[in-house]
């Protein structure tokens, strides 16, 4: 499920797995429409393996970004202790995002 939240005058969303764990977080958007476009971009682009950017932080933890076809980051993961955790997170996005409902908080 996507949770669309308003913080102050801006909006952002998270994608949660079936167990309620956040697997992807967005940047802040100036309008609800822009945030909804970001959700649509995640749903569209998550099937393309090449749009996932795998990264290793300076502390040795792993994380990923999902980019749109224009190269802009539309969502970022949490930090994972192991590379396998990051890969499982990517698979969870690929599995859960396409048909996920949007819940406004």
Protein backbone atom coordinates (compact mmCIF):
# COMPACT_ATOMS: atom_id res chain seq x y z
CA UNK A 1 0.00 0.00 0.00
CA UNK A 2 1.11 3.55 -0.68
CA UNK A 3 0.54 6.02 2.13
CA UNK A 4 0.27 9.61 0.92
CA UNK A 5 0.94 12.08 3.73
CA UNK A 6 0.82 15.84 4.08
CA UNK A 7 3.57 17.44 6.17
CA UNK A 8 3.09 21.16 6.56
CA UNK A 9 2.42 22.44 3.05
CA UNK A 10 4.13 19.53 1.30
CA UNK A 11 3.31 15.92 0.47
CA UNK A 12 5.27 12.70 0.41
CA UNK A 13 4.56 9.00 0.14
CA UNK A 14 5.85 5.69 1.37
CA UNK A 15 5.31 2.22 -0.03
CA UNK A 16 4.66 -0.42 2.61
CA UNK A 17 4.98 -4.18 2.24
CA UNK A 18 2.22 -6.52 3.36
CA UNK A 19 3.80 -6.71 6.83
CA UNK A 20 3.58 -2.91 7.22
CA UNK A 21 7.31 -2.29 6.80
CA UNK A 22 8.28 0.78 4.75
CA UNK A 23 10.19 -0.36 1.66
CA UNK A 24 10.36 2.91 -0.31
CA UNK A 25 10.08 6.61 0.61
CA UNK A 26 9.67 9.60 -1.68
CA UNK A 27 11.04 13.09 -1.66
CA UNK A 28 8.81 16.00 -0.60
CA UNK A 29 6.42 17.38 -3.23
CA UNK A 30 4.78 20.81 -3.35
CA UNK A 31 1.37 19.44 -4.33
CA UNK A 32 -0.75 16.34 -3.85
CA UNK A 33 -0.97 15.96 -7.65
CA UNK A 34 2.83 15.85 -7.92
CA UNK A 35 3.05 13.22 -5.18
CA UNK A 36 0.41 11.13 -6.97
CA UNK A 37 2.45 11.45 -10.17
CA UNK A 38 5.43 10.15 -8.18
CA UNK A 39 3.39 7.12 -7.08
CA UNK A 40 2.37 6.50 -10.70
CA UNK A 41 6.03 6.69 -11.70
CA UNK A 42 6.98 4.08 -9.08
CA UNK A 43 4.19 1.80 -10.30
CA UNK A 44 5.28 2.20 -13.91
CA UNK A 45 9.06 2.03 -13.46
CA UNK A 46 9.44 -0.66 -10.79
CA UNK A 47 9.22 -3.41 -13.42
CA UNK A 48 12.43 -2.15 -15.07
CA UNK A 49 15.41 -3.68 -13.24
CA UNK A 50 17.74 -1.10 -14.84
CA UNK A 51 16.01 1.77 -13.02
CA UNK A 52 17.05 0.48 -9.58
CA UNK A 53 20.31 2.06 -8.43
CA UNK A 54 22.05 -0.10 -5.83
CA UNK A 55 24.33 1.78 -3.45
CA UNK A 56 26.64 1.14 -0.51
CA UNK A 57 26.86 3.83 2.18
CA UNK A 58 30.14 4.87 3.80
CA UNK A 59 29.16 2.87 6.89
CA UNK A 60 28.96 -0.30 4.78
CA UNK A 61 25.16 -0.54 4.73
CA UNK A 62 23.23 -1.09 1.53
CA UNK A 63 20.35 0.90 0.03
CA UNK A 64 18.74 1.62 -3.31
CA UNK A 65 17.01 4.32 -5.30
CA UNK A 66 14.32 3.85 -7.92
CA UNK A 67 14.69 6.29 -10.78
CA UNK A 68 12.24 7.35 -13.45
CA UNK A 69 13.16 7.03 -17.11
CA UNK A 70 14.42 10.66 -17.05
CA UNK A 71 16.92 9.75 -14.32
CA UNK A 72 15.16 11.50 -11.45
CA UNK A 73 14.96 9.59 -8.15
CA UNK A 74 11.33 8.82 -7.30
CA UNK A 75 11.93 6.72 -4.21
CA UNK A 76 14.66 5.61 -1.81
CA UNK A 77 14.93 2.62 0.47
CA UNK A 78 15.92 2.26 4.07
CA UNK A 79 19.42 1.09 4.99
CA UNK A 80 20.05 -2.66 5.01
CA UNK A 81 22.82 -4.45 6.92
CA UNK A 82 23.27 -7.03 4.15
CA UNK A 83 23.22 -6.83 0.37
CA UNK A 84 20.67 -9.67 0.34
CA UNK A 85 18.31 -7.48 2.40
CA UNK A 86 18.60 -4.72 -0.19
CA UNK A 87 17.89 -7.17 -3.01
CA UNK A 88 14.85 -8.47 -1.11
CA UNK A 89 13.68 -4.86 -0.72
CA UNK A 90 13.93 -4.31 -4.47
CA UNK A 91 11.95 -7.49 -5.13
CA UNK A 92 9.34 -6.34 -2.64
CA UNK A 93 8.95 -3.01 -4.47
CA UNK A 94 8.67 -4.85 -7.79
CA UNK A 95 6.02 -7.17 -6.33
CA UNK A 96 3.97 -4.72 -4.23
CA UNK A 97 4.02 -1.39 -6.10
CA UNK A 98 2.17 -2.12 -9.37
CA UNK A 99 -1.24 -2.91 -7.84
CA UNK A 100 -0.87 -1.15 -4.51
CA UNK A 101 -3.77 0.93 -3.23
CA UNK A 102 -3.20 4.57 -2.25
CA UNK A 103 -4.27 5.56 1.25
CA UNK A 104 -4.26 9.24 2.18
CA UNK A 105 -3.17 9.87 5.77
